[in-house]
C-alpha cells in the first residue's frame, strides 16, 4: 500500500511546511504532493523558494508540486522536490502527471485560456 500526503495553498507558511514535513515523517508517507500556491506574493519569492525547499528536501521522500496563481515564478527541481508541470514522475509503478492551470479571471503568471 502506498501512502500519499496531498496538500495545496500553503502560501509560504513556514509553520504549514513544517507540519507537512512532520506528517510525512510520522505517517511514513511514500510521496508528498503540493498542488499549487506554494507561496503568496512576497517581497523575495526566490528567498521563499530556498527556505521552503530546504524544509521539503529534508523529508527524505519525493515531493511533487505544481505552481499556483499566487506563485510569482516557476520553481525548478531540487534534491527531493520535483516540479511535475507538463512532465511525469514515476514511482513504484505509478505515474504522476502535473498540469498547472489558472482560470483567466483569477490572474497570475500561470493563467491559461
Protein backbone atom coordinates (compact mmCIF):
# COMPACT_ATOMS: atom_id res chain seq x y z
CA UNK A 1 0.00 0.00 0.00
CA UNK A 2 1.27 3.45 -0.90
CA UNK A 3 0.71 6.44 1.37
CA UNK A 4 0.40 9.87 -0.23
CA UNK A 5 0.11 13.20 1.55
CA UNK A 6 -1.61 15.80 -0.64
CA UNK A 7 -1.83 19.48 0.22
CA UNK A 8 -2.26 22.80 -1.51
CA UNK A 9 -2.39 26.52 -0.78
CA UNK A 10 0.30 26.58 1.90
CA UNK A 11 1.01 30.16 0.81
CA UNK A 12 4.57 30.31 2.12
CA UNK A 13 3.67 29.49 5.73
CA UNK A 14 6.83 28.01 7.25
CA UNK A 15 4.67 26.55 10.03
CA UNK A 16 2.48 24.80 7.43
CA UNK A 17 5.53 23.40 5.62
CA UNK A 18 6.99 22.15 8.90
CA UNK A 19 3.65 20.47 9.66
CA UNK A 20 3.66 18.92 6.16
CA UNK A 21 7.16 17.58 6.88
CA UNK A 22 6.17 16.28 10.33
CA UNK A 23 3.14 14.44 8.94
CA UNK A 24 5.18 12.94 6.08
CA UNK A 25 7.71 11.57 8.56
CA UNK A 26 5.32 10.50 11.33
CA UNK A 27 2.89 8.80 8.95
CA UNK A 28 5.72 7.29 6.88
CA UNK A 29 4.29 8.53 3.59
CA UNK A 30 5.88 7.37 0.37
CA UNK A 31 5.33 10.55 -1.58
CA UNK A 32 4.10 14.09 -0.95
CA UNK A 33 2.23 16.34 -3.35
CA UNK A 34 1.65 20.09 -3.15
CA UNK A 35 -0.91 21.30 -5.67
CA UNK A 36 -0.21 24.98 -6.10
CA UNK A 37 0.08 28.25 -4.21
CA UNK A 38 3.37 27.29 -2.62
CA UNK A 39 3.87 30.96 -1.74
CA UNK A 40 1.93 34.18 -1.76
CA UNK A 41 3.05 37.36 -3.44
CA UNK A 42 6.12 38.22 -1.37
CA UNK A 43 8.99 40.65 -1.27
CA UNK A 44 11.51 37.96 -2.17
CA UNK A 45 9.95 34.91 -3.82
CA UNK A 46 13.40 33.39 -4.54
CA UNK A 47 14.28 33.50 -0.83
CA UNK A 48 10.91 31.89 -0.04
CA UNK A 49 11.66 29.13 -2.54
CA UNK A 50 15.05 28.48 -0.89
CA UNK A 51 13.55 28.31 2.63
CA UNK A 52 10.70 26.05 1.59
CA UNK A 53 12.86 23.69 -0.47
CA UNK A 54 15.24 23.41 2.48
CA UNK A 55 12.34 22.03 4.55
CA UNK A 56 10.96 19.77 1.81
CA UNK A 57 14.32 18.38 0.66
CA UNK A 58 14.98 17.06 4.16
CA UNK A 59 11.80 14.97 4.36
CA UNK A 60 13.51 12.03 2.66
CA UNK A 61 10.71 11.15 0.23
CA UNK A 62 9.87 12.61 -3.18
CA UNK A 63 7.78 15.78 -3.03
CA UNK A 64 5.93 16.63 -6.25
CA UNK A 65 4.47 20.04 -6.94
CA UNK A 66 2.89 22.40 -9.43
CA UNK A 67 2.75 26.18 -9.14
CA UNK A 68 -0.45 28.13 -8.43
CA UNK A 69 -1.89 31.53 -9.24
CA UNK A 70 -0.26 33.17 -6.20
CA UNK A 71 3.24 31.95 -7.10
CA UNK A 72 5.49 34.52 -8.75
CA UNK A 73 7.94 32.35 -10.66
CA UNK A 74 8.37 28.76 -11.81
CA UNK A 75 10.44 26.64 -9.43
CA UNK A 76 12.92 24.08 -10.64
CA UNK A 77 13.71 20.72 -9.12
CA UNK A 78 15.98 20.18 -6.15
CA UNK A 79 17.27 17.11 -4.31
CA UNK A 80 13.89 15.50 -3.43
CA UNK A 81 11.48 18.15 -4.75
CA UNK A 82 10.16 17.88 -8.31
CA UNK A 83 8.16 20.25 -10.47
CA UNK A 84 5.84 17.97 -12.46
CA UNK A 85 4.16 20.62 -14.61
CA UNK A 86 3.69 19.03 -18.05
CA UNK A 87 6.03 16.23 -17.00
CA UNK A 88 5.63 12.91 -15.30
CA UNK A 89 7.22 11.30 -12.29
CA UNK A 90 7.23 7.52 -11.95
CA UNK A 91 7.19 5.96 -8.51
CA UNK A 92 6.78 2.25 -7.74
CA UNK A 93 4.71 1.54 -10.84
CA UNK A 94 2.57 4.71 -10.53
CA UNK A 95 2.82 7.68 -12.85
CA UNK A 96 2.10 11.18 -11.55
CA UNK A 97 1.46 13.89 -14.16
CA UNK A 98 1.11 17.59 -13.46
CA UNK A 99 -0.63 20.39 -15.30
CA UNK A 100 -0.77 23.82 -13.73
CA UNK A 101 -3.71 25.92 -14.73
CA UNK A 102 -5.19 29.18 -13.51
CA UNK A 103 -8.57 30.38 -14.74
CA UNK A 104 -8.36 33.54 -16.87
CA UNK A 105 -10.35 35.60 -14.39
CA UNK A 106 -8.07 34.69 -11.45
CA UNK A 107 -4.81 36.15 -12.78
CA UNK A 108 -1.19 35.24 -12.21
CA UNK A 109 1.63 34.18 -14.48
CA UNK A 110 0.24 30.65 -14.93
CA UNK A 111 -3.12 31.82 -16.29
CA UNK A 112 -4.38 29.94 -19.34
CA UNK A 113 -7.36 30.47 -21.61
